[in-house]
Amino acid sequence: MSNYVFAFYGLPTRTPPEDFEARWGSWFAGLGSAIADMGNRVASVRTLPDGAESRAGLTGYIVVSAGGADAAAKLASGCPGLDYGITVEIAEVVPSVQ
C-alpha cells in the first residue's frame, strides 16, 4: 500500500448546491480506513511568481492509502466536487530519505 495525496482545485466563483457539505461527509465516510490523513481545506492561495495566472486554486487536500495509482483514482472518482467544478490531482507520496 502507498499513500496518495488528493489535491482539490476549484474556481473561487463556483456555487455549490445546498447539500454539498453532506455529500462530502458521505464520501469521506465511504473512504473509511483508506483515509491516512483527513487533510484540510485551504483559504487564501498565493501563486508564485507574483502575477502568474492560475485558473483554479487549491481548495484542500486529503491523503489516502491505496494499492496503486489506479486504486487511488477509483477512490477519487467518487469525489462529489467533480460534479461542481472541482478537479482532483492524485499524487503518490514518496517517503523522504533520512
PDB file of N, CA and C in Angstrom:
ATOM      1  N   MET A   1       0.845  -1.183   0.000  1.00  0.00           N
ATOM      2  CA  MET A   1       0.000   0.000   0.000  1.00  0.00           C
ATOM      3  C   MET A   1       0.891   1.246   0.000  1.00  0.00           C
ATOM      4  N   SER A   2       0.458   2.219  -0.762  1.00  0.00           N
ATOM      5  CA  SER A   2       1.137   3.510  -0.813  1.00  0.00           C
ATOM      6  C   SER A   2       0.140   4.588  -0.422  1.00  0.00           C
ATOM      7  N   ASN A   3       0.668   5.739  -0.040  1.00  0.00           N
ATOM      8  CA  ASN A   3      -0.184   6.889   0.253  1.00  0.00           C
ATOM      9  C   ASN A   3      -0.243   7.798  -0.955  1.00  0.00           C
ATOM     10  N   TYR A   4      -1.419   8.402  -1.156  1.00  0.00           N
ATOM     11  CA  TYR A   4      -1.654   9.307  -2.271  1.00  0.00           C
ATOM     12  C   TYR A   4      -2.315  10.575  -1.744  1.00  0.00           C
ATOM     13  N   VAL A   5      -1.802  11.710  -2.195  1.00  0.00           N
ATOM     14  CA  VAL A   5      -2.430  12.996  -1.879  1.00  0.00           C
ATOM     15  C   VAL A   5      -3.499  13.253  -2.931  1.00  0.00           C
ATOM     16  N   PHE A   6      -4.688  13.586  -2.468  1.00  0.00           N
ATOM     17  CA  PHE A   6      -5.735  14.086  -3.351  1.00  0.00           C
ATOM     18  C   PHE A   6      -5.763  15.589  -3.130  1.00  0.00           C
ATOM     19  N   ALA A   7      -5.324  16.353  -4.116  1.00  0.00           N
ATOM     20  CA  ALA A   7      -5.337  17.811  -4.035  1.00  0.00           C
ATOM     21  C   ALA A   7      -6.535  18.307  -4.829  1.00  0.00           C
ATOM     22  N   PHE A   8      -7.392  19.081  -4.183  1.00  0.00           N
ATOM     23  CA  PHE A   8      -8.617  19.562  -4.788  1.00  0.00           C
ATOM     24  C   PHE A   8      -8.421  20.992  -5.284  1.00  0.00           C
ATOM     25  N   TYR A   9      -8.818  21.239  -6.533  1.00  0.00           N
ATOM     26  CA  TYR A   9      -8.686  22.559  -7.141  1.00  0.00           C
ATOM     27  C   TYR A   9     -10.047  23.029  -7.630  1.00  0.00           C
ATOM     28  N   GLY A  10     -10.355  24.289  -7.407  1.00  0.00           N
ATOM     29  CA  GLY A  10     -11.626  24.830  -7.875  1.00  0.00           C
ATOM     30  C   GLY A  10     -11.561  26.330  -8.046  1.00  0.00           C
ATOM     31  N   LEU A  11     -12.479  26.828  -8.840  1.00  0.00           N
ATOM     32  CA  LEU A  11     -12.586  28.273  -9.033  1.00  0.00           C
ATOM     33  C   LEU A  11     -13.297  28.887  -7.832  1.00  0.00           C
ATOM     34  N   PRO A  12     -12.799  29.991  -7.327  1.00  0.00           N
ATOM     35  CA  PRO A  12     -13.433  30.612  -6.164  1.00  0.00           C
ATOM     36  C   PRO A  12     -14.849  31.108  -6.450  1.00  0.00           C
ATOM     37  N   THR A  13     -15.198  31.246  -7.708  1.00  0.00           N
ATOM     38  CA  THR A  13     -16.519  31.761  -8.068  1.00  0.00           C
ATOM     39  C   THR A  13     -17.577  30.667  -8.194  1.00  0.00           C
ATOM     40  N   ARG A  14     -17.201  29.400  -7.993  1.00  0.00           N
ATOM     41  CA  ARG A  14     -18.182  28.323  -8.139  1.00  0.00           C
ATOM     42  C   ARG A  14     -19.238  28.432  -7.035  1.00  0.00           C
ATOM     43  N   THR A  15     -20.424  27.966  -7.322  1.00  0.00           N
ATOM     44  CA  THR A  15     -21.518  27.997  -6.359  1.00  0.00           C
ATOM     45  C   THR A  15     -22.016  26.571  -6.155  1.00  0.00           C
ATOM     46  N   PRO A  16     -21.601  25.928  -5.068  1.00  0.00           N
ATOM     47  CA  PRO A  16     -22.043  24.554  -4.830  1.00  0.00           C
ATOM     48  C   PRO A  16     -23.498  24.517  -4.351  1.00  0.00           C
ATOM     49  N   PRO A  17     -24.165  23.385  -4.545  1.00  0.00           N
ATOM     50  CA  PRO A  17     -25.556  23.252  -4.097  1.00  0.00           C
ATOM     51  C   PRO A  17     -25.644  23.148  -2.579  1.00  0.00           C
ATOM     52  N   GLU A  18     -26.857  23.278  -2.055  1.00  0.00           N
ATOM     53  CA  GLU A  18     -27.060  23.256  -0.600  1.00  0.00           C
ATOM     54  C   GLU A  18     -26.580  21.973   0.060  1.00  0.00           C
ATOM     55  N   ASP A  19     -26.714  20.834  -0.599  1.00  0.00           N
ATOM     56  CA  ASP A  19     -26.350  19.553   0.013  1.00  0.00           C
ATOM     57  C   ASP A  19     -24.883  19.194  -0.176  1.00  0.00           C
ATOM     58  N   PHE A  20     -24.091  20.165  -0.638  1.00  0.00           N
ATOM     59  CA  PHE A  20     -22.689  19.904  -0.961  1.00  0.00           C
ATOM     60  C   PHE A  20     -21.904  19.367   0.235  1.00  0.00           C
ATOM     61  N   GLU A  21     -22.036  20.001   1.385  1.00  0.00           N
ATOM     62  CA  GLU A  21     -21.292  19.573   2.581  1.00  0.00           C
ATOM     63  C   GLU A  21     -21.680  18.149   2.982  1.00  0.00           C
ATOM     64  N   ALA A  22     -22.951  17.832   2.918  1.00  0.00           N
ATOM     65  CA  ALA A  22     -23.416  16.485   3.270  1.00  0.00           C
ATOM     66  C   ALA A  22     -22.847  15.446   2.315  1.00  0.00           C
ATOM     67  N   ARG A  23     -22.759  15.799   1.040  1.00  0.00           N
ATOM     68  CA  ARG A  23     -22.193  14.864   0.064  1.00  0.00           C
ATOM     69  C   ARG A  23     -20.720  14.603   0.339  1.00  0.00           C
ATOM     70  N   TRP A  24     -19.982  15.639   0.747  1.00  0.00           N
ATOM     71  CA  TRP A  24     -18.569  15.441   1.109  1.00  0.00           C
ATOM     72  C   TRP A  24     -18.462  14.513   2.316  1.00  0.00           C
ATOM     73  N   GLY A  25     -19.307  14.741   3.321  1.00  0.00           N
ATOM     74  CA  GLY A  25     -19.293  13.889   4.509  1.00  0.00           C
ATOM     75  C   GLY A  25     -19.571  12.441   4.169  1.00  0.00           C
ATOM     76  N   SER A  26     -20.506  12.199   3.287  1.00  0.00           N
ATOM     77  CA  SER A  26     -20.823  10.832   2.861  1.00  0.00           C
ATOM     78  C   SER A  26     -19.653  10.201   2.117  1.00  0.00           C
ATOM     79  N   TRP A  27     -19.002  10.992   1.273  1.00  0.00           N
ATOM     80  CA  TRP A  27     -17.856  10.459   0.529  1.00  0.00           C
ATOM     81  C   TRP A  27     -16.721  10.098   1.482  1.00  0.00           C
ATOM     82  N   PHE A  28     -16.413  10.985   2.425  1.00  0.00           N
ATOM     83  CA  PHE A  28     -15.370  10.691   3.414  1.00  0.00           C
ATOM     84  C   PHE A  28     -15.714   9.429   4.201  1.00  0.00           C
ATOM     85  N   ALA A  29     -16.979   9.295   4.615  1.00  0.00           N
ATOM     86  CA  ALA A  29     -17.401   8.108   5.363  1.00  0.00           C
ATOM     87  C   ALA A  29     -17.190   6.856   4.518  1.00  0.00           C
ATOM     88  N   GLY A  30     -17.471   6.946   3.229  1.00  0.00           N
ATOM     89  CA  GLY A  30     -17.278   5.806   2.341  1.00  0.00           C
ATOM     90  C   GLY A  30     -15.824   5.437   2.137  1.00  0.00           C
ATOM     91  N   LEU A  31     -14.926   6.415   2.248  1.00  0.00           N
ATOM     92  CA  LEU A  31     -13.498   6.118   2.122  1.00  0.00           C
ATOM     93  C   LEU A  31     -12.995   5.341   3.334  1.00  0.00           C
ATOM     94  N   GLY A  32     -13.627   5.563   4.479  1.00  0.00           N
ATOM     95  CA  GLY A  32     -13.323   4.806   5.694  1.00  0.00           C
ATOM     96  C   GLY A  32     -11.851   4.746   6.041  1.00  0.00           C
ATOM     97  N   SER A  33     -11.358   3.523   6.235  1.00  0.00           N
ATOM     98  CA  SER A  33      -9.982   3.331   6.698  1.00  0.00           C
ATOM     99  C   SER A  33      -8.935   3.644   5.634  1.00  0.00           C
ATOM    100  N   ALA A  34      -9.348   3.921   4.392  1.00  0.00           N
ATOM    101  CA  ALA A  34      -8.386   4.319   3.363  1.00  0.00           C
ATOM    102  C   ALA A  34      -7.808   5.705   3.651  1.00  0.00           C
ATOM    103  N   ILE A  35      -8.506   6.494   4.477  1.00  0.00           N
ATOM    104  CA  ILE A  35      -8.007   7.838   4.788  1.00  0.00           C
ATOM    105  C   ILE A  35      -6.834   7.729   5.755  1.00  0.00           C
ATOM    106  N   ALA A  36      -5.675   8.192   5.289  1.00  0.00           N
ATOM    107  CA  ALA A  36      -4.470   8.205   6.122  1.00  0.00           C
ATOM    108  C   ALA A  36      -4.318   9.536   6.841  1.00  0.00           C
ATOM    109  N   ASP A  37      -4.833  10.596   6.245  1.00  0.00           N
ATOM    110  CA  ASP A  37      -4.768  11.943   6.823  1.00  0.00           C
ATOM    111  C   ASP A  37      -5.996  12.688   6.297  1.00  0.00           C
ATOM    112  N   MET A  38      -6.860  13.141   7.211  1.00  0.00           N
ATOM    113  CA  MET A  38      -8.084  13.839   6.815  1.00  0.00           C
ATOM    114  C   MET A  38      -7.800  15.149   6.087  1.00  0.00           C
ATOM    115  N   GLY A  39      -6.583  15.619   6.119  1.00  0.00           N
ATOM    116  CA  GLY A  39      -6.238  16.825   5.395  1.00  0.00           C
ATOM    117  C   GLY A  39      -6.935  18.051   5.943  1.00  0.00           C
ATOM    118  N   ASN A  40      -7.068  19.046   5.108  1.00  0.00           N
ATOM    119  CA  ASN A  40      -7.662  20.324   5.484  1.00  0.00           C
ATOM    120  C   ASN A  40      -8.192  21.033   4.262  1.00  0.00           C
ATOM    121  N   ARG A  41      -9.105  21.962   4.513  1.00  0.00           N
ATOM    122  CA  ARG A  41      -9.464  22.931   3.493  1.00  0.00           C
ATOM    123  C   ARG A  41      -8.389  24.002   3.543  1.00  0.00           C
ATOM    124  N   VAL A  42      -8.277  24.749   2.466  1.00  0.00           N
ATOM    125  CA  VAL A  42      -7.360  25.881   2.487  1.00  0.00           C
ATOM    126  C   VAL A  42      -8.147  27.134   2.147  1.00  0.00           C
ATOM    127  N   ALA A  43      -7.651  28.269   2.597  1.00  0.00           N
ATOM    128  CA  ALA A  43      -8.328  29.540   2.361  1.00  0.00           C
ATOM    129  C   ALA A  43      -7.544  30.327   1.321  1.00  0.00           C
ATOM    130  N   SER A  44      -6.834  31.298   1.756  1.00  0.00           N
ATOM    131  CA  SER A  44      -6.088  32.177   0.872  1.00  0.00           C
ATOM    132  C   SER A  44      -5.004  31.393   0.128  1.00  0.00           C
ATOM    133  N   VAL A  45      -4.934  31.585  -1.176  1.00  0.00           N
ATOM    134  CA  VAL A  45      -3.940  30.913  -2.009  1.00  0.00           C
ATOM    135  C   VAL A  45      -3.131  31.976  -2.733  1.00  0.00           C
ATOM    136  N   ARG A  46      -1.844  31.795  -2.736  1.00  0.00           N
ATOM    137  CA  ARG A  46      -0.965  32.713  -3.463  1.00  0.00           C
ATOM    138  C   ARG A  46      -0.151  31.896  -4.455  1.00  0.00           C
ATOM    139  N   THR A  47      -0.099  32.350  -5.681  1.00  0.00           N
ATOM    140  CA  THR A  47       0.652  31.666  -6.728  1.00  0.00           C
ATOM    141  C   THR A  47       1.920  32.446  -7.023  1.00  0.00           C
ATOM    142  N   LEU A  48       3.040  31.738  -7.051  1.00  0.00           N
ATOM    143  CA  LEU A  48       4.325  32.361  -7.383  1.00  0.00           C
ATOM    144  C   LEU A  48       4.758  31.877  -8.754  1.00  0.00           C
ATOM    145  N   PRO A  49       5.487  32.639  -9.536  1.00  0.00           N
ATOM    146  CA  PRO A  49       5.876  34.008  -9.202  1.00  0.00           C
ATOM    147  C   PRO A  49       4.670  34.934  -9.184  1.00  0.00           C
ATOM    148  N   ASP A  50       4.823  36.046  -8.467  1.00  0.00           N
ATOM    149  CA  ASP A  50       3.738  37.025  -8.409  1.00  0.00           C
ATOM    150  C   ASP A  50       3.306  37.396  -9.818  1.00  0.00           C
ATOM    151  N   GLY A  51       2.017  37.473  -9.996  1.00  0.00           N
ATOM    152  CA  GLY A  51       1.475  37.838 -11.299  1.00  0.00           C
ATOM    153  C   GLY A  51       1.192  36.649 -12.197  1.00  0.00           C
ATOM    154  N   ALA A  52       1.642  35.459 -11.805  1.00  0.00           N
ATOM    155  CA  ALA A  52       1.376  34.268 -12.618  1.00  0.00           C
ATOM    156  C   ALA A  52      -0.114  33.952 -12.579  1.00  0.00           C
ATOM    157  N   GLU A  53      -0.652  33.527 -13.701  1.00  0.00           N
ATOM    158  CA  GLU A  53      -2.076  33.206 -13.767  1.00  0.00           C
ATOM    159  C   GLU A  53      -2.337  31.805 -13.239  1.00  0.00           C
ATOM    160  N   SER A  54      -3.391  31.677 -12.502  1.00  0.00           N
ATOM    161  CA  SER A  54      -3.829  30.385 -12.014  1.00  0.00           C
ATOM    162  C   SER A  54      -5.319  30.273 -12.314  1.00  0.00           C
ATOM    163  N   ARG A  55      -5.712  29.254 -13.072  1.00  0.00           N
ATOM    164  CA  ARG A  55      -7.116  29.098 -13.437  1.00  0.00           C
ATOM    165  C   ARG A  55      -7.950  28.610 -12.263  1.00  0.00           C
ATOM    166  N   ALA A  56      -7.411  27.723 -11.470  1.00  0.00           N
ATOM    167  CA  ALA A  56      -8.138  27.190 -10.321  1.00  0.00           C
ATOM    168  C   ALA A  56      -7.180  27.153  -9.145  1.00  0.00           C
ATOM    169  N   GLY A  57      -7.698  27.445  -7.976  1.00  0.00           N
ATOM    170  CA  GLY A  57      -6.861  27.458  -6.791  1.00  0.00           C
ATOM    171  C   GLY A  57      -7.041  26.201  -5.961  1.00  0.00           C
ATOM    172  N   LEU A  58      -6.031  25.887  -5.205  1.00  0.00           N
ATOM    173  CA  LEU A  58      -6.091  24.770  -4.277  1.00  0.00           C
ATOM    174  C   LEU A  58      -7.169  25.065  -3.239  1.00  0.00           C
ATOM    175  N   THR A  59      -8.088  24.131  -3.046  1.00  0.00           N
ATOM    176  CA  THR A  59      -9.158  24.318  -2.065  1.00  0.00           C
ATOM    177  C   THR A  59      -9.016  23.387  -0.873  1.00  0.00           C
ATOM    178  N   GLY A  60      -8.193  22.343  -0.989  1.00  0.00           N
ATOM    179  CA  GLY A  60      -7.992  21.419   0.117  1.00  0.00           C
ATOM    180  C   GLY A  60      -7.266  20.170  -0.336  1.00  0.00           C
ATOM    181  N   TYR A  61      -7.046  19.265   0.623  1.00  0.00           N
ATOM    182  CA  TYR A  61      -6.357  18.018   0.313  1.00  0.00           C
ATOM    183  C   TYR A  61      -6.710  16.969   1.362  1.00  0.00           C
ATOM    184  N   ILE A  62      -6.550  15.718   0.998  1.00  0.00           N
ATOM    185  CA  ILE A  62      -6.559  14.601   1.943  1.00  0.00           C
ATOM    186  C   ILE A  62      -5.483  13.627   1.479  1.00  0.00           C
ATOM    187  N   VAL A  63      -5.125  12.685   2.329  1.00  0.00           N
ATOM    188  CA  VAL A  63      -4.181  11.630   1.967  1.00  0.00           C
ATOM    189  C   VAL A  63      -4.872  10.299   2.201  1.00  0.00           C
ATOM    190  N   VAL A  64      -4.800   9.426   1.190  1.00  0.00           N
ATOM    191  CA  VAL A  64      -5.404   8.097   1.306  1.00  0.00           C
ATOM    192  C   VAL A  64      -4.348   7.031   1.088  1.00  0.00           C
ATOM    193  N   SER A  65      -4.620   5.841   1.589  1.00  0.00           N
ATOM    194  CA  SER A  65      -3.795   4.664   1.317  1.00  0.00           C
ATOM    195  C   SER A  65      -4.512   3.834   0.266  1.00  0.00           C
ATOM    196  N   ALA A  66      -3.767   3.392  -0.735  1.00  0.00           N
ATOM    197  CA  ALA A  66      -4.357   2.588  -1.799  1.00  0.00           C
ATOM    198  C   ALA A  66      -3.308   1.623  -2.338  1.00  0.00           C
ATOM    199  N   GLY A  67      -3.786   0.582  -2.989  1.00  0.00           N
ATOM    200  CA  GLY A  67      -2.916  -0.455  -3.531  1.00  0.00           C
ATOM    201  C   GLY A  67      -2.219  -0.087  -4.821  1.00  0.00           C
ATOM    202  N   GLY A  68      -2.404   1.098  -5.317  1.00  0.00           N
ATOM    203  CA  GLY A  68      -1.755   1.559  -6.537  1.00  0.00           C
ATOM    204  C   GLY A  68      -2.460   2.795  -7.061  1.00  0.00           C
ATOM    205  N   ALA A  69      -1.894   3.352  -8.127  1.00  0.00           N
ATOM    206  CA  ALA A  69      -2.439   4.591  -8.687  1.00  0.00           C
ATOM    207  C   ALA A  69      -3.863   4.398  -9.211  1.00  0.00           C
ATOM    208  N   ASP A  70      -4.137   3.250  -9.821  1.00  0.00           N
ATOM    209  CA  ASP A  70      -5.488   3.002 -10.328  1.00  0.00           C
ATOM    210  C   ASP A  70      -6.494   2.894  -9.189  1.00  0.00           C
ATOM    211  N   ALA A  71      -6.096   2.233  -8.102  1.00  0.00           N
ATOM    212  CA  ALA A  71      -6.981   2.112  -6.934  1.00  0.00           C
ATOM    213  C   ALA A  71      -7.225   3.481  -6.317  1.00  0.00           C
ATOM    214  N   ALA A  72      -6.189   4.322  -6.264  1.00  0.00           N
ATOM    215  CA  ALA A  72      -6.348   5.682  -5.732  1.00  0.00           C
ATOM    216  C   ALA A  72      -7.288   6.486  -6.622  1.00  0.00           C
ATOM    217  N   ALA A  73      -7.141   6.362  -7.937  1.00  0.00           N
ATOM    218  CA  ALA A  73      -8.010   7.083  -8.860  1.00  0.00           C
ATOM    219  C   ALA A  73      -9.461   6.627  -8.712  1.00  0.00           C
ATOM    220  N   LYS A  74      -9.658   5.344  -8.464  1.00  0.00           N
ATOM    221  CA  LYS A  74     -11.019   4.838  -8.262  1.00  0.00           C
ATOM    222  C   LYS A  74     -11.636   5.466  -7.013  1.00  0.00           C
ATOM    223  N   LEU A  75     -10.836   5.586  -5.932  1.00  0.00           N
ATOM    224  CA  LEU A  75     -11.339   6.246  -4.723  1.00  0.00           C
ATOM    225  C   LEU A  75     -11.678   7.707  -5.001  1.00  0.00           C
ATOM    226  N   ALA A  76     -10.807   8.383  -5.738  1.00  0.00           N
ATOM    227  CA  ALA A  76     -11.010   9.805  -6.031  1.00  0.00           C
ATOM    228  C   ALA A  76     -12.204  10.029  -6.951  1.00  0.00           C
ATOM    229  N   SER A  77     -12.545   9.042  -7.755  1.00  0.00           N
ATOM    230  CA  SER A  77     -13.624   9.226  -8.726  1.00  0.00           C
ATOM    231  C   SER A  77     -14.984   9.462  -8.076  1.00  0.00           C
ATOM    232  N   GLY A  78     -15.109   9.147  -6.789  1.00  0.00           N
ATOM    233  CA  GLY A  78     -16.363   9.397  -6.085  1.00  0.00           C
ATOM    234  C   GLY A  78     -16.460  10.773  -5.470  1.00  0.00           C
ATOM    235  N   CYS A  79     -15.451  11.596  -5.639  1.00  0.00           N
ATOM    236  CA  CYS A  79     -15.433  12.937  -5.048  1.00  0.00           C
ATOM    237  C   CYS A  79     -16.635  13.742  -5.529  1.00  0.00           C
ATOM    238  N   PRO A  80     -17.449  14.238  -4.610  1.00  0.00           N
ATOM    239  CA  PRO A  80     -18.641  14.990  -5.020  1.00  0.00           C
ATOM    240  C   PRO A  80     -18.319  16.304  -5.717  1.00  0.00           C
ATOM    241  N   GLY A  81     -17.146  16.836  -5.498  1.00  0.00           N
ATOM    242  CA  GLY A  81     -16.772  18.088  -6.144  1.00  0.00           C
ATOM    243  C   GLY A  81     -16.604  17.969  -7.649  1.00  0.00           C
ATOM    244  N   LEU A  82     -16.368  16.753  -8.136  1.00  0.00           N
ATOM    245  CA  LEU A  82     -16.181  16.561  -9.573  1.00  0.00           C
ATOM    246  C   LEU A  82     -17.405  16.994 -10.369  1.00  0.00           C
ATOM    247  N   ASP A  83     -18.573  16.929  -9.743  1.00  0.00           N
ATOM    248  CA  ASP A  83     -19.805  17.363 -10.408  1.00  0.00           C
ATOM    249  C   ASP A  83     -20.005  18.875 -10.365  1.00  0.00           C
ATOM    250  N   TYR A  84     -19.149  19.576  -9.623  1.00  0.00           N
ATOM    251  CA  TYR A  84     -19.354  21.012  -9.403  1.00  0.00           C
ATOM    252  C   TYR A  84     -18.089  21.831  -9.604  1.00  0.00           C
ATOM    253  N   GLY A  85     -17.315  21.486 -10.618  1.00  0.00           N
ATOM    254  CA  GLY A  85     -16.182  22.324 -10.999  1.00  0.00           C
ATOM    255  C   GLY A  85     -14.897  22.117 -10.235  1.00  0.00           C
ATOM    256  N   ILE A  86     -14.817  21.093  -9.419  1.00  0.00           N
ATOM    257  CA  ILE A  86     -13.575  20.800  -8.701  1.00  0.00           C
ATOM    258  C   ILE A  86     -12.838  19.704  -9.453  1.00  0.00           C
ATOM    259  N   THR A  87     -11.532  19.849  -9.576  1.00  0.00           N
ATOM    260  CA  THR A  87     -10.704  18.793 -10.134  1.00  0.00           C
ATOM    261  C   THR A  87      -9.875  18.199  -9.006  1.00  0.00           C
ATOM    262  N   VAL A  88      -9.478  16.945  -9.172  1.00  0.00           N
ATOM    263  CA  VAL A  88      -8.680  16.254  -8.161  1.00  0.00           C
ATOM    264  C   VAL A  88      -7.370  15.827  -8.801  1.00  0.00           C
ATOM    265  N   GLU A  89      -6.280  16.272  -8.222  1.00  0.00           N
ATOM    266  CA  GLU A  89      -4.953  15.830  -8.645  1.00  0.00           C
ATOM    267  C   GLU A  89      -4.521  14.737  -7.684  1.00  0.00           C
ATOM    268  N   ILE A  90      -4.093  13.599  -8.212  1.00  0.00           N
ATOM    269  CA  ILE A  90      -3.704  12.448  -7.396  1.00  0.00           C
ATOM    270  C   ILE A  90      -2.195  12.295  -7.525  1.00  0.00           C
ATOM    271  N   ALA A  91      -1.493  12.325  -6.397  1.00  0.00           N
ATOM    272  CA  ALA A  91      -0.044  12.224  -6.411  1.00  0.00           C
ATOM    273  C   ALA A  91       0.433  11.234  -5.360  1.00  0.00           C
ATOM    274  N   GLU A  92       1.264  10.291  -5.786  1.00  0.00           N
ATOM    275  CA  GLU A  92       1.820   9.319  -4.851  1.00  0.00           C
ATOM    276  C   GLU A  92       2.818  10.005  -3.923  1.00  0.00           C
ATOM    277  N   VAL A  93       2.723   9.696  -2.645  1.00  0.00           N
ATOM    278  CA  VAL A  93       3.653  10.234  -1.671  1.00  0.00           C
ATOM    279  C   VAL A  93       4.928   9.385  -1.702  1.00  0.00           C
ATOM    280  N   VAL A  94       6.054  10.036  -1.867  1.00  0.00           N
ATOM    281  CA  VAL A  94       7.339   9.351  -1.871  1.00  0.00           C
ATOM    282  C   VAL A  94       7.991   9.614  -0.525  1.00  0.00           C
ATOM    283  N   PRO A  95       8.209   8.552   0.266  1.00  0.00           N
ATOM    284  CA  PRO A  95       8.821   8.760   1.585  1.00  0.00           C
ATOM    285  C   PRO A  95      10.178   9.444   1.465  1.00  0.00           C
ATOM    286  N   SER A  96      10.431  10.372   2.359  1.00  0.00           N
ATOM    287  CA  SER A  96      11.708  11.079   2.338  1.00  0.00           C
ATOM    288  C   SER A  96      12.809  10.159   2.849  1.00  0.00           C
ATOM    289  N   VAL A  97      13.991  10.387   2.355  1.00  0.00           N
ATOM    290  CA  VAL A  97      15.156   9.616   2.771  1.00  0.00           C
ATOM    291  C   VAL A  97      15.791  10.345   3.937  1.00  0.00           C
ATOM    292  N   GLN A  98      15.964   9.665   5.041  1.00  0.00           N
ATOM    293  CA  GLN A  98      16.529  10.288   6.235  1.00  0.00           C
ATOM    294  C   GLN A  98      18.008  10.028   6.325  1.00  0.00           C
TER     295      GLN A  98
END
